[in-house]
Amino acid sequence: MLKKYQWLNRVWAYLPGFSLIILMRLRFIYSPITSDEGGALAMARAWSRGAVLYQDIWADRPQGLFVLYRGLVTIGLGTPEGVRILAIAACLLGAAACGSIASTLVGDKARMGTVLIVGVLLSVPQFEGFIANGELLSCSVGAVALALAMKAVWGRTAPRFWLLYASGVMGGCAVGIKQSGFDAFFTAVVAVGAMSLMSRWKKMHSWLSLPTMFLGFATSIGAMMIHGALTGWYRWWYAIVMYRFELRSALVNADFGRFQHTLAIALPLLIPIFLGVILVGVLEARRVAFRTMAILATWLLISFAAFAMGGQFFRHYWIIMMLPIGTFAGAMISYANKKWLRNLLLAALITSPLIHTATAMAIPRNLIGRELHDDSRLAKDERVAAWFNVMRKPGDTIYAMCASAGLYGNLDIDPPFPYLWGYEARLMPGGLAQLWNFLEGEDAPRFVVRYQVPAVCDASGASLRALHRNYKIVWTVAGLLVYERR
C-alpha cells in the first residue's frame, strides 16, 4: 500500500521548486524580448515560411534551437510572451532532471532540495535566467541525458540499454540546440565507462553500454547532419563548427573583460553555496560517498569547459554551470544528519538568489534591458516596431543597422538581411560586401534604423556612404535615426 502512493511523495518533492521557478519568472514574461530570443524567433518564423537556414538567414547555432522556436510558432506561441513560456518549461525540465540525478546518486531525500536549488539558480534574473537562451534550453535537455544514464546503470546488476540509448538521443539533442550543451552527456559517458570497467556486469553488457549511448547520440546528430547536407553542407558546417574555431571562441576574439564583469555578478550568488557545501563536507565527511562526488565533480569540471569554450562570457553563460552546482549542493545538503541543519542550509543557499530576484523585479520595465542584459536597445526595439507597424505598407521591410535582432522578434516580418547580429556581418568572410550590395540593390529595405554608428560594423565607411546615397532621414524614433529609401 505504501509503495502504491510513493508517487505522491515524489510529486510533493517537486512542488516547492516548481512553484518558486514560476513565481520568479512571472514578472518577466512581459519584459522586452532580448536580442538572442528575438533573432531566434525571427529565424524560426522565416524558416516556417520557406527561408533556407544558414543561407537566407544565418546564425552560428545548430538547428535544434530553431526547431524549438519553430514549434512555438506552429502552436501559436511565436510571440515574445511565448518565448518566456518556453523558458519556464525548460527550467522545470532541467530542475526535475537534476532532482532525479541527485535522487539516484544519493537517495530520495536529495530530490526536493536539489530541485529547489537548481530551479532558483536557473531563474536568477541577473544571469538572464528567465530568457529562453540556448544555454538554458540545451543544458536542461542535457541534464535529462545524464539522469537517464544514471537510472540505467546506478546500483544495477545489468544496465538498461533502452535508457542508455535514450540518454544518447537526449545528449545529441542537447548539442543540437547549442554546441556547448555537451557537458552532462560527456559526464554520463565518463560515469558509464567507469562503471563498465569496475562493475561485475557480464562482459557483453560492459562492452555494449557505451556503444549503445553513442548510437543514440549519433541518431540525433545524424539527423542534424542530414538536414545540413540538404540545405548546403559547407554553409552548415561553417556555421556550426568552423565559425567558432576561426572567428569566435575562447581562443579567438575572446572577451575576458566581460568575464570579469559577469564574474562579479555571479560571486555573491555562488559563495554561499560553496561555503554550505564545504561545511557539510567537513561535518559529514564519513558519510559522503566518493563515487557520487566523483560524478558530480566531473560534471562541474566539464561544464566549466563548456562555459569557457565560447569565449564571450555573457551573463547567460553562467546558466551552464548552475545545473551541476545546484545538483552538487542539493546532494551534499542531503548528507547532513539533522533535518534542521538540512533545512537551515537550504534556506541559506536560496536566500541570496531570491534577494537578487526581488531587486530585479523592482527595475522599471524600460530599464530592464540596460540593467539585466547590458543592452539598452530592448525598449527601443518595441518603440521602433510600433512605429513601423503604423507606417508600413504591404511588402515593406525594415533593417536594423548595424544590428538589433530583438527588433525582428517584435515584428512578424522576415529579416531582410541574413545576418541579424552585428558581429556576424563584420566577421563573416564577404559579410561587409554583402551589406554594401544589400543597401544598393533592388531588394534593399524601405526603412533603415541606425542603432549604432556604422563604423562599429564597417570601419571602411562604405556602408555609411551607401546609406547616404540611397536613403534620406525621415524620422527619429526613441532617439534613433530612421532612413527611408529615396
Protein backbone atom coordinates (compact mmCIF):
# COMPACT_ATOMS: atom_id res chain seq x y z
CA MET A 1 0.00 0.00 0.00
CA LEU A 2 2.82 2.40 0.86
CA LYS A 3 4.59 1.73 -2.46
CA LYS A 4 1.33 2.42 -4.27
CA TYR A 5 1.38 6.02 -3.04
CA GLN A 6 5.10 6.69 -3.30
CA TRP A 7 4.49 8.72 -6.44
CA LEU A 8 2.67 11.28 -4.28
CA ASN A 9 5.83 11.86 -2.27
CA ARG A 10 7.78 12.37 -5.48
CA VAL A 11 5.23 14.86 -6.80
CA TRP A 12 5.40 16.73 -3.49
CA ALA A 13 9.19 16.86 -3.77
CA TYR A 14 8.89 18.88 -6.98
CA LEU A 15 6.18 21.32 -5.87
CA PRO A 16 8.29 23.81 -3.84
CA GLY A 17 10.93 24.13 -6.56
CA PHE A 18 8.42 24.31 -9.40
CA SER A 19 6.37 26.93 -7.57
CA LEU A 20 9.39 29.13 -6.97
CA ILE A 21 10.50 28.78 -10.60
CA ILE A 22 7.16 30.06 -11.84
CA LEU A 23 6.93 32.85 -9.25
CA MET A 24 10.47 34.07 -10.01
CA ARG A 25 9.70 34.23 -13.73
CA LEU A 26 6.12 35.53 -13.92
CA ARG A 27 7.20 39.17 -13.67
CA PHE A 28 9.49 38.76 -16.69
CA ILE A 29 7.08 37.07 -19.09
CA TYR A 30 6.12 40.55 -20.25
CA SER A 31 9.56 42.19 -20.16
CA PRO A 32 11.13 43.15 -23.52
CA ILE A 33 12.41 40.34 -25.71
CA THR A 34 16.20 40.11 -25.91
CA SER A 35 18.47 40.09 -28.93
CA ASP A 36 19.12 36.34 -28.73
CA GLU A 37 15.45 35.49 -28.31
CA GLY A 38 14.29 37.95 -30.95
CA GLY A 39 16.78 36.71 -33.50
CA ALA A 40 15.95 33.04 -32.92
CA LEU A 41 12.21 33.76 -33.09
CA ALA A 42 12.58 35.76 -36.31
CA MET A 43 14.65 32.97 -37.88
CA ALA A 44 12.08 30.35 -36.86
CA ARG A 45 9.27 32.39 -38.41
CA ALA A 46 11.22 32.89 -41.62
CA TRP A 47 12.11 29.19 -41.72
CA SER A 48 8.45 28.26 -41.35
CA ARG A 49 7.70 30.47 -44.39
CA GLY A 50 10.26 28.77 -46.61
CA ALA A 51 13.54 30.56 -45.87
CA VAL A 52 16.64 28.34 -46.01
CA LEU A 53 18.61 28.11 -42.76
CA TYR A 54 22.26 29.23 -42.99
CA GLN A 55 21.57 30.86 -46.37
CA ASP A 56 18.60 33.26 -46.28
CA ILE A 57 19.01 33.59 -42.51
CA TRP A 58 22.25 32.82 -40.70
CA ALA A 59 23.38 32.03 -37.15
CA ASP A 60 26.16 30.03 -35.56
CA ARG A 61 23.65 27.79 -33.78
CA PRO A 62 22.51 24.23 -34.62
CA GLN A 63 19.05 23.51 -35.98
CA GLY A 64 17.69 22.24 -32.66
CA LEU A 65 17.36 25.76 -31.28
CA PHE A 66 15.24 26.82 -34.24
CA VAL A 67 13.20 23.63 -34.09
CA LEU A 68 12.10 24.61 -30.57
CA TYR A 69 11.27 28.16 -31.62
CA ARG A 70 9.51 26.95 -34.75
CA GLY A 71 7.45 24.69 -32.51
CA LEU A 72 6.30 27.81 -30.68
CA VAL A 73 5.32 29.41 -33.98
CA THR A 74 3.42 26.28 -35.02
CA ILE A 75 1.29 26.18 -31.85
CA GLY A 76 0.56 29.90 -31.92
CA LEU A 77 3.07 30.96 -29.26
CA GLY A 78 5.55 32.61 -31.63
CA THR A 79 5.48 35.81 -29.58
CA PRO A 80 7.78 37.41 -27.01
CA GLU A 81 5.49 36.08 -24.26
CA GLY A 82 5.50 32.61 -25.79
CA VAL A 83 9.30 32.60 -25.75
CA ARG A 84 9.30 33.21 -21.99
CA ILE A 85 6.83 30.36 -21.50
CA LEU A 86 9.32 28.13 -23.32
CA ALA A 87 11.99 29.29 -20.85
CA ILE A 88 9.76 28.30 -17.91
CA ALA A 89 9.19 24.85 -19.41
CA ALA A 90 12.92 24.36 -19.96
CA CYS A 91 13.73 25.40 -16.41
CA LEU A 92 11.15 22.98 -14.98
CA LEU A 93 12.63 20.21 -17.11
CA GLY A 94 16.21 20.97 -16.05
CA ALA A 95 15.34 21.21 -12.35
CA ALA A 96 13.37 17.95 -12.48
CA ALA A 97 16.24 16.17 -14.25
CA CYS A 98 18.74 17.39 -11.65
CA GLY A 99 16.41 16.24 -8.88
CA SER A 100 16.32 12.81 -10.49
CA ILE A 101 20.13 12.71 -10.73
CA ALA A 102 20.57 13.60 -7.06
CA SER A 103 17.88 11.13 -6.02
CA THR A 104 19.56 8.32 -7.97
CA LEU A 105 23.03 9.05 -6.62
CA VAL A 106 22.18 9.90 -3.00
CA GLY A 107 18.56 8.94 -2.30
CA ASP A 108 15.08 10.44 -2.41
CA LYS A 109 15.89 12.82 0.44
CA ALA A 110 18.08 14.80 -2.00
CA ARG A 111 15.34 15.33 -4.60
CA MET A 112 13.39 18.23 -3.11
CA GLY A 113 16.42 20.29 -2.11
CA THR A 114 18.11 19.79 -5.47
CA VAL A 115 15.03 20.76 -7.47
CA LEU A 116 14.65 23.86 -5.32
CA ILE A 117 18.29 24.98 -5.53
CA VAL A 118 18.67 24.29 -9.25
CA GLY A 119 15.34 25.94 -10.07
CA VAL A 120 16.22 29.06 -8.11
CA LEU A 121 19.72 29.34 -9.59
CA LEU A 122 18.44 28.89 -13.14
CA SER A 123 15.87 31.65 -12.61
CA VAL A 124 18.10 34.42 -11.24
CA PRO A 125 17.39 37.49 -13.42
CA GLN A 126 20.97 38.77 -13.12
CA PHE A 127 22.04 35.64 -15.05
CA GLU A 128 19.32 36.35 -17.64
CA GLY A 129 17.84 33.14 -16.26
CA PHE A 130 14.31 33.99 -17.34
CA ILE A 131 15.10 34.18 -21.07
CA ALA A 132 14.92 31.25 -23.49
CA ASN A 133 18.62 31.26 -24.32
CA GLY A 134 20.49 28.37 -25.90
CA GLU A 135 22.31 27.60 -22.65
CA LEU A 136 19.13 27.02 -20.65
CA LEU A 137 17.44 25.01 -23.41
CA SER A 138 20.43 22.80 -24.26
CA CYS A 139 21.68 22.18 -20.73
CA SER A 140 18.20 21.28 -19.45
CA VAL A 141 17.92 18.65 -22.18
CA GLY A 142 21.49 17.55 -21.41
CA ALA A 143 20.59 17.06 -17.74
CA VAL A 144 17.85 14.66 -18.88
CA ALA A 145 20.54 12.66 -20.71
CA LEU A 146 22.59 12.33 -17.52
CA ALA A 147 19.50 11.46 -15.47
CA LEU A 148 18.58 8.65 -17.88
CA ALA A 149 22.13 7.29 -17.89
CA MET A 150 22.25 7.19 -14.08
CA LYS A 151 18.87 5.45 -13.97
CA ALA A 152 20.22 2.91 -16.45
CA VAL A 153 23.32 1.86 -14.52
CA TRP A 154 23.35 3.06 -10.90
CA GLY A 155 23.09 0.17 -8.45
CA ARG A 156 22.10 -2.35 -11.14
CA THR A 157 23.45 -5.80 -11.84
CA ALA A 158 22.97 -5.13 -15.57
CA PRO A 159 22.48 -1.87 -17.48
CA ARG A 160 19.15 -0.95 -19.03
CA PHE A 161 20.11 -0.50 -22.65
CA TRP A 162 16.98 1.31 -23.76
CA LEU A 163 17.69 4.00 -21.15
CA LEU A 164 21.31 4.24 -22.34
CA TYR A 165 20.11 4.68 -25.91
CA ALA A 166 17.60 7.32 -24.80
CA SER A 167 20.39 9.07 -22.90
CA GLY A 168 22.44 9.25 -26.10
CA VAL A 169 19.48 10.61 -28.06
CA MET A 170 18.90 13.35 -25.48
CA GLY A 171 22.63 14.12 -25.35
CA GLY A 172 22.63 14.59 -29.12
CA CYS A 173 19.56 16.81 -28.89
CA ALA A 174 21.33 18.98 -26.27
CA VAL A 175 24.33 19.53 -28.56
CA GLY A 176 21.88 20.05 -31.43
CA ILE A 177 20.37 23.01 -29.58
CA LYS A 178 23.70 24.65 -28.75
CA GLN A 179 27.23 23.36 -29.17
CA SER A 180 28.08 23.91 -25.50
CA GLY A 181 25.34 21.53 -24.38
CA PHE A 182 27.70 18.57 -24.24
CA ASP A 183 28.65 18.74 -20.55
CA ALA A 184 26.01 16.47 -19.00
CA PHE A 185 26.21 13.83 -21.72
CA PHE A 186 30.02 13.72 -21.58
CA THR A 187 29.70 13.27 -17.82
CA ALA A 188 27.33 10.37 -18.44
CA VAL A 189 29.86 8.82 -20.83
CA VAL A 190 32.63 9.08 -18.22
CA ALA A 191 30.42 7.65 -15.47
CA VAL A 192 29.04 4.76 -17.52
CA GLY A 193 32.51 4.00 -18.87
CA ALA A 194 33.95 3.84 -15.35
CA MET A 195 31.13 1.59 -14.17
CA SER A 196 31.61 -0.71 -17.15
CA LEU A 197 35.21 -1.22 -16.07
CA MET A 198 34.63 -1.56 -12.33
CA SER A 199 31.26 -3.32 -12.08
CA ARG A 200 30.52 -7.02 -12.11
CA TRP A 201 28.34 -6.85 -15.20
CA LYS A 202 28.63 -9.52 -17.84
CA LYS A 203 31.40 -8.74 -20.30
CA MET A 204 28.92 -8.30 -23.13
CA HIS A 205 26.97 -5.76 -21.08
CA SER A 206 30.15 -3.83 -20.29
CA TRP A 207 31.23 -3.80 -23.92
CA LEU A 208 27.86 -2.68 -25.26
CA SER A 209 26.99 0.06 -22.74
CA LEU A 210 28.99 2.92 -24.26
CA PRO A 211 28.33 1.93 -27.92
CA THR A 212 24.62 2.00 -27.12
CA MET A 213 24.90 5.55 -25.80
CA PHE A 214 26.93 6.66 -28.82
CA LEU A 215 24.36 5.08 -31.13
CA GLY A 216 21.66 7.20 -29.55
CA PHE A 217 23.89 10.28 -29.79
CA ALA A 218 24.59 9.53 -33.47
CA THR A 219 20.85 9.25 -34.12
CA SER A 220 20.25 12.87 -33.12
CA ILE A 221 23.44 14.30 -34.58
CA GLY A 222 22.96 12.27 -37.77
CA ALA A 223 19.51 13.78 -38.33
CA MET A 224 21.03 17.24 -37.89
CA MET A 225 23.83 16.46 -40.36
CA ILE A 226 21.39 15.13 -42.97
CA HIS A 227 19.39 18.34 -42.75
CA GLY A 228 22.63 20.33 -43.00
CA ALA A 229 23.59 18.44 -46.16
CA LEU A 230 20.18 19.10 -47.70
CA THR A 231 20.38 22.83 -47.02
CA GLY A 232 24.03 23.21 -48.07
CA TRP A 233 26.75 21.23 -46.35
CA TYR A 234 29.52 23.81 -46.50
CA ARG A 235 27.34 26.64 -45.13
CA TRP A 236 26.05 24.42 -42.33
CA TRP A 237 29.48 23.07 -41.38
CA TYR A 238 30.99 26.55 -41.36
CA ALA A 239 28.17 27.94 -39.19
CA ILE A 240 28.18 25.13 -36.64
CA VAL A 241 31.90 24.27 -36.42
CA MET A 242 34.38 26.37 -38.36
CA TYR A 243 32.99 29.80 -37.47
CA ARG A 244 33.71 29.10 -33.81
CA PHE A 245 37.21 27.75 -34.44
CA GLU A 246 38.21 30.56 -36.78
CA LEU A 247 36.44 33.67 -35.55
CA ARG A 248 34.69 33.48 -32.18
CA SER A 249 35.78 31.25 -29.31
CA ALA A 250 37.90 31.23 -26.15
CA LEU A 251 40.99 31.26 -28.37
CA VAL A 252 39.84 33.81 -30.96
CA ASN A 253 38.22 37.19 -30.18
CA ALA A 254 37.54 36.21 -26.56
CA ASP A 255 36.11 38.90 -24.26
CA PHE A 256 37.85 38.49 -20.90
CA GLY A 257 36.76 41.95 -19.81
CA ARG A 258 33.16 40.75 -19.93
CA PHE A 259 34.20 37.68 -17.92
CA GLN A 260 35.36 39.94 -15.08
CA HIS A 261 32.06 41.84 -15.28
CA THR A 262 29.84 38.75 -15.13
CA LEU A 263 32.04 37.05 -12.51
CA ALA A 264 31.39 39.99 -10.19
CA ILE A 265 27.66 39.35 -10.66
CA ALA A 266 28.00 35.60 -10.05
CA LEU A 267 30.21 35.55 -6.95
CA PRO A 268 27.67 36.91 -4.42
CA LEU A 269 25.30 34.16 -5.51
CA LEU A 270 27.82 31.33 -5.58
CA ILE A 271 29.93 31.98 -2.48
CA PRO A 272 27.15 30.96 -0.01
CA ILE A 273 26.67 27.73 -1.97
CA PHE A 274 30.37 26.84 -1.86
CA LEU A 275 30.53 27.61 1.86
CA GLY A 276 27.49 25.42 2.53
CA VAL A 277 28.94 22.53 0.55
CA ILE A 278 32.27 22.82 2.38
CA LEU A 279 30.51 22.92 5.76
CA VAL A 280 28.61 19.69 5.07
CA GLY A 281 31.75 18.09 3.68
CA VAL A 282 33.60 18.81 6.91
CA LEU A 283 30.78 17.77 9.25
CA GLU A 284 29.70 14.65 7.36
CA ALA A 285 32.93 13.58 5.66
CA ARG A 286 32.47 9.94 6.64
CA ARG A 287 29.00 9.72 5.13
CA VAL A 288 29.80 11.32 1.77
CA ALA A 289 30.01 8.70 -0.99
CA PHE A 290 33.14 9.06 -3.12
CA ARG A 291 31.50 7.71 -6.30
CA THR A 292 28.69 10.23 -6.07
CA MET A 293 31.02 13.16 -5.51
CA ALA A 294 33.31 11.97 -8.33
CA ILE A 295 30.45 12.03 -10.83
CA LEU A 296 29.17 15.43 -9.73
CA ALA A 297 32.69 16.90 -9.66
CA THR A 298 33.27 15.58 -13.18
CA TRP A 299 30.08 17.26 -14.35
CA LEU A 300 31.15 20.52 -12.74
CA LEU A 301 34.57 20.44 -14.43
CA ILE A 302 33.17 19.60 -17.86
CA SER A 303 30.52 22.30 -17.51
CA PHE A 304 33.27 24.84 -16.80
CA ALA A 305 34.96 23.78 -20.05
CA ALA A 306 31.66 24.32 -21.87
CA PHE A 307 31.27 27.71 -20.16
CA ALA A 308 34.74 28.84 -21.21
CA MET A 309 34.63 27.42 -24.74
CA GLY A 310 32.51 30.19 -26.24
CA GLY A 311 34.86 32.90 -25.05
CA GLN A 312 32.25 35.68 -24.92
CA PHE A 313 31.20 35.19 -21.27
CA PHE A 314 27.76 36.74 -21.49
CA ARG A 315 25.66 36.69 -18.34
CA HIS A 316 23.61 33.72 -19.50
CA TYR A 317 26.76 31.61 -19.97
CA TRP A 318 26.64 31.07 -16.20
CA ILE A 319 23.43 29.08 -16.66
CA ILE A 320 25.61 26.22 -17.96
CA MET A 321 27.22 25.80 -14.54
CA MET A 322 24.11 26.33 -12.45
CA LEU A 323 22.78 22.81 -13.07
CA PRO A 324 25.84 20.90 -11.78
CA ILE A 325 26.44 23.42 -8.99
CA GLY A 326 22.83 23.17 -7.82
CA THR A 327 22.86 19.37 -8.06
CA PHE A 328 26.16 19.18 -6.16
CA ALA A 329 24.76 21.45 -3.43
CA GLY A 330 21.49 19.55 -3.18
CA ALA A 331 23.27 16.21 -2.93
CA MET A 332 25.71 17.47 -0.28
CA ILE A 333 22.99 19.03 1.88
CA SER A 334 21.14 15.73 1.95
CA TYR A 335 24.13 14.17 3.75
CA ALA A 336 23.55 16.41 6.78
CA ASN A 337 22.40 14.11 9.58
CA LYS A 338 19.97 16.56 11.22
CA LYS A 339 16.83 17.68 9.42
CA TRP A 340 17.00 21.15 10.97
CA LEU A 341 20.54 21.56 9.59
CA ARG A 342 19.43 20.48 6.12
CA ASN A 343 16.57 22.99 6.17
CA LEU A 344 18.81 25.75 7.52
CA LEU A 345 21.42 25.17 4.81
CA LEU A 346 18.77 25.02 2.11
CA ALA A 347 17.29 28.33 3.24
CA ALA A 348 20.73 29.92 3.41
CA LEU A 349 21.61 28.78 -0.12
CA ILE A 350 18.50 30.17 -1.81
CA THR A 351 18.33 33.44 0.16
CA SER A 352 20.80 35.38 -1.99
CA PRO A 353 19.22 34.35 -5.33
CA LEU A 354 15.77 35.30 -4.02
CA ILE A 355 17.02 38.69 -2.83
CA HIS A 356 18.60 39.32 -6.22
CA THR A 357 15.34 38.35 -7.91
CA ALA A 358 13.30 40.69 -5.71
CA THR A 359 15.73 43.50 -6.57
CA ALA A 360 15.36 42.79 -10.29
CA MET A 361 11.57 42.77 -10.06
CA ALA A 362 11.70 46.36 -8.87
CA ILE A 363 13.50 47.55 -12.02
CA PRO A 364 11.21 49.61 -14.30
CA ARG A 365 10.30 47.77 -17.48
CA ASN A 366 12.03 50.23 -19.79
CA LEU A 367 15.31 49.83 -17.87
CA ILE A 368 15.37 46.02 -17.74
CA GLY A 369 17.45 45.78 -20.91
CA ARG A 370 20.17 48.04 -19.58
CA GLU A 371 20.20 46.65 -16.02
CA LEU A 372 19.81 42.90 -16.65
CA HIS A 373 21.09 42.39 -20.20
CA ASP A 374 23.68 45.17 -20.63
CA ASP A 375 21.63 46.15 -23.69
CA SER A 376 19.74 49.46 -23.86
CA ARG A 377 18.15 48.61 -27.23
CA LEU A 378 15.33 46.41 -25.97
CA ALA A 379 12.79 49.10 -25.10
CA LYS A 380 13.78 50.95 -28.28
CA ASP A 381 13.07 47.82 -30.32
CA GLU A 382 9.47 47.88 -29.13
CA ARG A 383 9.01 51.55 -29.98
CA VAL A 384 10.55 51.15 -33.43
CA ALA A 385 8.34 48.11 -34.07
CA ALA A 386 5.24 50.07 -33.06
CA TRP A 387 6.25 52.96 -35.36
CA PHE A 388 6.91 50.62 -38.29
CA ASN A 389 3.55 48.88 -37.87
CA VAL A 390 1.86 52.28 -38.23
CA MET A 391 3.94 53.38 -41.24
CA ARG A 392 4.29 50.12 -43.17
CA LYS A 393 2.65 49.23 -46.43
CA PRO A 394 2.28 45.67 -47.78
CA GLY A 395 5.70 44.25 -48.62
CA ASP A 396 7.69 46.86 -46.68
CA THR A 397 10.79 45.78 -44.79
CA ILE A 398 13.00 47.43 -42.20
CA TYR A 399 16.68 46.86 -41.43
CA ALA A 400 18.32 47.43 -38.03
CA MET A 401 21.79 48.82 -38.74
CA CYS A 402 24.27 47.64 -37.68
CA ALA A 403 22.15 45.23 -35.70
CA SER A 404 19.35 44.76 -33.21
CA ALA A 405 17.94 41.28 -33.59
CA GLY A 406 15.33 41.98 -30.91
CA LEU A 407 13.53 44.30 -33.34
CA TYR A 408 12.61 41.36 -35.56
CA GLY A 409 11.26 39.46 -32.58
CA ASN A 410 8.76 42.29 -32.10
CA LEU A 411 7.81 42.35 -35.79
CA ASP A 412 6.15 39.49 -37.60
CA ILE A 413 8.16 40.03 -40.79
CA ASP A 414 11.16 38.18 -42.18
CA PRO A 415 14.55 39.87 -41.67
CA PRO A 416 15.66 41.40 -44.98
CA PHE A 417 19.37 40.72 -44.35
CA PRO A 418 20.70 37.26 -43.42
CA TYR A 419 22.96 38.44 -40.54
CA LEU A 420 20.89 39.58 -37.56
CA TRP A 421 23.79 40.22 -35.18
CA GLY A 422 26.41 42.88 -35.89
CA TYR A 423 29.48 40.75 -35.25
CA GLU A 424 28.33 38.28 -37.94
CA ALA A 425 28.38 40.79 -40.80
CA ARG A 426 31.68 42.13 -39.53
CA LEU A 427 33.42 38.77 -39.07
CA MET A 428 31.94 36.56 -41.77
CA PRO A 429 34.04 36.34 -44.96
CA GLY A 430 32.36 38.59 -47.52
CA GLY A 431 29.79 39.80 -44.99
CA LEU A 432 30.55 43.52 -45.40
CA ALA A 433 30.49 43.32 -49.19
CA GLN A 434 27.13 41.61 -48.88
CA LEU A 435 25.91 44.51 -46.73
CA TRP A 436 27.04 47.09 -49.30
CA ASN A 437 25.28 45.25 -52.11
CA PHE A 438 22.19 44.89 -49.95
CA LEU A 439 21.90 48.66 -49.38
CA GLU A 440 22.49 49.37 -53.08
CA GLY A 441 20.40 46.55 -54.59
CA GLU A 442 16.83 46.12 -55.71
CA ASP A 443 15.90 44.21 -52.54
CA ALA A 444 17.05 46.99 -50.23
CA PRO A 445 14.56 47.67 -47.39
CA ARG A 446 12.24 50.65 -47.39
CA PHE A 447 13.45 51.73 -43.94
CA VAL A 448 16.79 51.56 -42.17
CA VAL A 449 17.05 52.31 -38.45
CA ARG A 450 20.50 53.35 -37.31
CA TYR A 451 21.07 51.71 -33.94
CA GLN A 452 24.84 52.15 -33.87
CA VAL A 453 27.36 54.34 -35.58
CA PRO A 454 28.01 52.48 -38.89
CA ALA A 455 31.74 52.44 -38.20
CA VAL A 456 31.05 49.91 -35.44
CA CYS A 457 30.29 47.22 -38.02
CA ASP A 458 32.07 48.71 -41.04
CA ALA A 459 35.20 50.73 -40.32
CA SER A 460 35.71 51.36 -44.05
CA GLY A 461 32.73 53.71 -44.18
CA ALA A 462 31.35 52.06 -47.32
CA SER A 463 28.08 51.12 -45.59
CA LEU A 464 27.51 54.69 -44.45
CA ARG A 465 28.20 56.05 -47.95
CA ALA A 466 25.74 53.55 -49.44
CA LEU A 467 23.17 54.59 -46.86
CA HIS A 468 23.55 58.30 -47.67
CA ARG A 469 23.42 57.69 -51.42
CA ASN A 470 20.22 55.71 -51.35
CA TYR A 471 18.33 56.89 -48.27
CA LYS A 472 17.16 60.08 -46.59
CA ILE A 473 16.43 60.74 -42.91
CA VAL A 474 12.65 60.90 -42.36
CA TRP A 475 12.07 60.32 -38.65
CA THR A 476 13.54 59.88 -35.21
CA VAL A 477 12.14 57.08 -33.03
CA ALA A 478 13.38 56.52 -29.45
CA GLY A 479 16.37 58.69 -30.27
CA LEU A 480 17.27 56.58 -33.34
CA LEU A 481 17.53 57.97 -36.86
CA VAL A 482 15.17 56.35 -39.36
CA TYR A 483 16.09 56.44 -43.06
CA GLU A 484 13.73 55.89 -45.97
CA ARG A 485 14.79 54.73 -49.41
CA ARG A 486 14.84 57.55 -51.97
